[in-house]
Amino acid sequence: MKDNLIGVIGAGVMGQGVAHSFAEKGFKVLLVDVNEIVLDQALIDIEKNIRFNGFFNKQSSSINAKEVIENITFTNDYTLLKKQISLLKT
């Protein structure tokens, strides 16, 4: 498990991809978007991508989808990101 937290602003296609990639590598990710519906869809899409990758790529089949999703915090609360930045400064 990595010690760093990755902050991703925007849960659209690119944000989902970035969050998914880092979470798959063991990083904790804070995925922030103002729209709760977009965040819900991001969770669904990331879960689909994990299953899809595991189906076609034997190397990815060892990836535990539950762990990847647990590495991502889906939130519309930007203050969580601000708190993490403040912790880095100390």
Protein backbone atom coordinates (compact mmCIF):
# COMPACT_ATOMS: atom_id res chain seq x y z
CA MET A 1 0.00 0.00 0.00
CA LYS A 2 1.26 3.44 -0.90
CA ASP A 3 1.42 6.26 1.65
CA ASN A 4 0.44 9.03 -0.74
CA LEU A 5 -3.07 10.17 -1.52
CA ILE A 6 -3.84 11.11 -5.10
CA GLY A 7 -6.45 13.83 -5.59
CA VAL A 8 -8.40 13.76 -8.85
CA ILE A 9 -10.77 16.61 -9.63
CA GLY A 10 -13.51 15.64 -12.05
CA ALA A 11 -15.08 12.18 -12.34
CA GLY A 12 -15.59 12.23 -16.10
CA VAL A 13 -13.90 9.79 -18.45
CA MET A 14 -10.37 11.10 -17.86
CA GLY A 15 -10.81 11.46 -14.11
CA GLN A 16 -12.17 7.92 -13.87
CA GLY A 17 -9.21 6.59 -15.81
CA VAL A 18 -6.66 8.39 -13.65
CA ALA A 19 -8.38 7.33 -10.42
CA HIS A 20 -8.70 3.73 -11.61
CA SER A 21 -5.05 3.53 -12.70
CA PHE A 22 -3.65 4.83 -9.43
CA ALA A 23 -6.05 2.77 -7.29
CA GLU A 24 -5.06 -0.36 -9.20
CA LYS A 25 -1.42 0.34 -8.28
CA GLY A 26 -2.32 0.53 -4.59
CA PHE A 27 -2.61 4.27 -4.11
CA LYS A 28 -5.45 5.82 -2.14
CA VAL A 29 -7.39 8.14 -4.43
CA LEU A 30 -9.79 10.96 -3.65
CA LEU A 31 -12.08 11.39 -6.68
CA VAL A 32 -13.93 14.69 -6.37
CA ASP A 33 -16.79 15.99 -8.51
CA VAL A 34 -19.58 18.46 -7.80
CA ASN A 35 -22.19 16.17 -9.35
CA GLU A 36 -23.24 13.16 -7.27
CA ILE A 37 -24.75 11.46 -10.35
CA VAL A 38 -21.41 11.69 -12.15
CA LEU A 39 -19.69 10.15 -9.12
CA ASP A 40 -22.21 7.29 -9.03
CA GLN A 41 -21.64 6.67 -12.73
CA ALA A 42 -17.87 6.78 -12.22
CA LEU A 43 -18.11 3.96 -9.67
CA ILE A 44 -20.18 1.87 -12.09
CA ASP A 45 -17.82 2.55 -14.99
CA ILE A 46 -14.67 1.75 -13.00
CA GLU A 47 -16.19 -1.53 -11.82
CA LYS A 48 -17.07 -2.40 -15.44
CA ASN A 49 -13.55 -1.55 -16.60
CA ILE A 50 -11.98 -3.77 -13.95
CA ARG A 51 -14.14 -6.73 -15.01
CA PHE A 52 -13.53 -6.02 -18.71
CA ASN A 53 -9.75 -5.83 -18.26
CA GLY A 54 -9.71 -9.03 -16.23
CA PHE A 55 -11.67 -10.85 -18.92
CA PHE A 56 -9.29 -9.97 -21.75
CA ASN A 57 -5.97 -9.59 -19.96
CA LYS A 58 -4.73 -12.57 -17.97
CA GLN A 59 -2.28 -10.34 -16.09
CA SER A 60 -5.12 -8.14 -14.82
CA SER A 61 -7.13 -11.13 -13.61
CA SER A 62 -5.14 -11.11 -10.36
CA ILE A 63 -6.43 -7.62 -9.57
CA ASN A 64 -8.99 -7.64 -6.81
CA ALA A 65 -11.83 -5.36 -7.92
CA LYS A 66 -13.00 -4.83 -4.35
CA GLU A 67 -9.56 -3.58 -3.29
CA VAL A 68 -9.34 -1.21 -6.25
CA ILE A 69 -12.74 0.30 -5.42
CA GLU A 70 -11.84 0.51 -1.72
CA ASN A 71 -8.78 2.57 -2.69
CA ILE A 72 -11.04 5.25 -4.18
CA THR A 73 -13.06 7.72 -2.14
CA PHE A 74 -15.88 9.12 -4.28
CA THR A 75 -16.94 12.51 -2.93
CA ASN A 76 -18.38 15.90 -3.80
CA ASP A 77 -16.75 17.43 -0.71
CA TYR A 78 -13.80 19.50 -1.90
CA THR A 79 -12.82 20.26 1.70
CA LEU A 80 -11.49 16.68 1.97
CA LEU A 81 -8.96 17.52 -0.71
CA LYS A 82 -8.08 20.77 1.04
CA LYS A 83 -7.53 18.89 4.31
CA GLN A 84 -5.15 16.46 2.61
CA ILE A 85 -3.17 19.32 1.08
CA SER A 86 -2.93 20.97 4.50
CA LEU A 87 -1.58 17.74 5.99
CA LEU A 88 1.14 17.63 3.34
CA LYS A 89 2.30 21.11 4.30
CA THR A 90 2.90 20.15 7.93
